[in-house]
Structure formats: structure tokens, C-alpha cells
Amino acid sequence: YQRRVQGRSWKIHRHCFTEGPRMVKKLMEAYPNMYIGLTNLITYTNPGEVLESVMEIPLERMLLETDSPYFVPQGAPKSLKHSNPGFAIQVAERISLIKQVPIEIVLKHVRQNTLEMYGL
């Protein structure tokens, strides 16, 4: 249904992605202009399959999110009850570690992706 309504060429921001690599492949094939948003969930010790997905998502298709006020990053002070947009850098740091690329490269790509996705 979604493909029929949206079409393959639409730009899509898949918000708060939490699924595994099989879903990444399926979505990327169905929607070549889709960007996948990753949150502070990937900073957790046991985030599930989404950690494996980070390796499958090209930097050219990633967006950073915090899903504020949810998903306080792991390692944040226990007194902190809510996330905020400033924690997006921790998502970038984790991507950098997983993909073994400098954080500057991650930030360069997600900045360009954000500009492209939202026409800024």
C-alpha cells in the first residue's frame, strides 16, 4: 500500500529506526531516496538488532535523532530524566565507532543528508 501511495522516488525520513538489517535492506530497495533516523538507542549496551543495522545503512542515508524527550543516552547522569537535541552528537559518536570512520565524516554526511532531505 505504501509504495502505491508514495512511490519509489519520494524522499522519506524513517523516524526512530529500531529494526534489524533485513528491514534496512528491504526499505532501501523499496525506497532509494529514504533516509533512516538513528537515535540514542544505539548507545545502549543491548539495543537489539538496530546496532547491526548501523553497518548496513550507508552514511549517505543516515540522519541523527534523539527522539527527545525519550532515549536518554547511555552514560548520561542518572538525574537526567529526558533527552534533548544536544545529545545527537552521541549518536554520531556511536556511528563513528561502529563504522570505524572519523566522527567528522559522519557529521559531514548527516549534515548533507539533512539538507537534502528537507530541502534546506
Protein backbone atom coordinates (compact mmCIF):
# COMPACT_ATOMS: atom_id res chain seq x y z
CA TYR A 1 0.00 0.00 0.00
CA GLN A 2 2.69 2.49 0.99
CA ARG A 3 4.58 2.11 -2.30
CA ARG A 4 1.40 2.64 -4.26
CA VAL A 5 0.61 5.85 -2.36
CA GLN A 6 4.11 7.29 -2.02
CA GLY A 7 6.04 5.91 -4.93
CA ARG A 8 9.71 4.99 -5.05
CA SER A 9 11.02 8.47 -5.79
CA TRP A 10 9.65 10.23 -2.69
CA LYS A 11 12.05 11.36 -0.03
CA ILE A 12 11.21 9.58 3.21
CA HIS A 13 12.60 10.07 6.71
CA ARG A 14 12.17 6.76 8.56
CA HIS A 15 11.97 8.18 12.07
CA CYS A 16 13.43 6.42 15.13
CA PHE A 17 14.61 3.28 13.37
CA THR A 18 14.83 0.32 15.76
CA GLU A 19 14.77 -2.69 13.45
CA GLY A 20 17.30 -5.15 12.09
CA PRO A 21 19.42 -5.32 8.94
CA ARG A 22 16.86 -7.31 6.94
CA MET A 23 14.41 -4.42 7.27
CA VAL A 24 17.12 -1.95 6.25
CA LYS A 25 17.76 -3.86 3.03
CA LYS A 26 14.05 -4.19 2.31
CA LEU A 27 13.37 -0.49 2.85
CA MET A 28 16.45 0.70 0.96
CA GLU A 29 15.47 -1.39 -2.05
CA ALA A 30 11.86 -0.21 -1.96
CA TYR A 31 12.67 3.47 -1.35
CA PRO A 32 16.04 4.55 -2.78
CA ASN A 33 15.51 8.13 -1.54
CA MET A 34 14.81 7.12 2.04
CA TYR A 35 16.85 8.40 4.98
CA ILE A 36 16.98 6.41 8.22
CA GLY A 37 16.99 8.20 11.56
CA LEU A 38 19.09 6.69 14.34
CA THR A 39 18.62 7.65 17.99
CA ASN A 40 20.44 7.38 21.29
CA LEU A 41 19.11 3.83 21.43
CA ILE A 42 22.31 2.79 19.63
CA THR A 43 24.34 3.99 22.64
CA TYR A 44 22.73 1.35 24.88
CA THR A 45 24.52 -1.84 25.92
CA ASN A 46 21.81 -4.09 24.45
CA PRO A 47 19.93 -2.10 21.81
CA GLY A 48 18.84 -5.15 19.84
CA GLU A 49 19.14 -5.59 16.09
CA VAL A 50 19.39 -1.88 15.37
CA LEU A 51 23.10 -1.99 16.18
CA GLU A 52 23.63 -4.46 13.33
CA SER A 53 21.61 -2.16 11.09
CA VAL A 54 24.10 0.67 11.53
CA MET A 55 26.59 -1.32 9.44
CA GLU A 56 24.01 -1.81 6.68
CA ILE A 57 22.86 1.81 6.42
CA PRO A 58 25.13 3.87 4.16
CA LEU A 59 26.33 7.14 5.68
CA GLU A 60 24.65 8.82 2.71
CA ARG A 61 21.27 7.69 4.06
CA MET A 62 21.60 8.36 7.81
CA LEU A 63 20.03 11.07 9.92
CA LEU A 64 20.71 11.76 13.59
CA GLU A 65 17.89 11.87 16.10
CA THR A 66 17.44 11.89 19.85
CA ASP A 67 13.71 11.18 19.87
CA SER A 68 13.57 13.76 22.62
CA PRO A 69 12.37 13.50 25.35
CA TYR A 70 12.87 9.72 25.11
CA PHE A 71 16.07 7.65 24.79
CA VAL A 72 18.40 9.38 27.21
CA PRO A 73 21.86 8.23 26.04
CA GLN A 74 23.67 5.58 28.00
CA GLY A 75 26.22 7.14 30.30
CA ALA A 76 24.18 10.30 30.91
CA PRO A 77 23.79 11.32 34.57
CA LYS A 78 21.08 9.30 36.33
CA SER A 79 19.44 12.56 37.38
CA LEU A 80 18.73 13.34 33.71
CA LYS A 81 15.17 12.26 33.02
CA HIS A 82 14.75 13.49 29.43
CA SER A 83 16.83 13.53 26.28
CA ASN A 84 17.38 16.68 24.24
CA PRO A 85 18.63 17.52 20.73
CA GLY A 86 22.12 18.23 22.06
CA PHE A 87 22.62 14.51 22.55
CA ALA A 88 22.59 13.85 18.79
CA ILE A 89 26.38 14.11 18.94
CA GLN A 90 26.42 10.90 20.98
CA VAL A 91 24.54 9.14 18.20
CA ALA A 92 27.19 10.39 15.75
CA GLU A 93 29.99 9.21 18.06
CA ARG A 94 28.50 5.72 18.26
CA ILE A 95 28.06 5.54 14.47
CA SER A 96 31.69 6.62 14.11
CA LEU A 97 32.83 3.78 16.37
CA ILE A 98 30.67 1.15 14.71
CA LYS A 99 31.59 2.13 11.16
CA GLN A 100 35.20 2.91 12.10
CA VAL A 101 35.23 6.30 10.41
CA PRO A 102 36.13 9.68 11.93
CA ILE A 103 33.21 11.48 13.55
CA GLU A 104 33.84 14.43 11.20
CA ILE A 105 32.93 12.19 8.27
CA VAL A 106 29.73 11.06 9.98
CA LEU A 107 28.77 14.66 10.74
CA LYS A 108 29.57 15.80 7.20
CA HIS A 109 27.27 13.14 5.76
CA VAL A 110 24.37 13.64 8.14
CA ARG A 111 24.52 17.40 7.62
CA GLN A 112 24.33 16.93 3.86
CA ASN A 113 21.58 14.33 4.28
CA THR A 114 19.55 16.71 6.44
CA LEU A 115 19.90 19.50 3.88
CA GLU A 116 18.91 17.13 1.07
CA MET A 117 16.01 15.51 2.90
CA TYR A 118 14.39 18.75 3.99
CA GLY A 119 15.43 21.00 1.10
CA LEU A 120 17.32 23.40 3.35
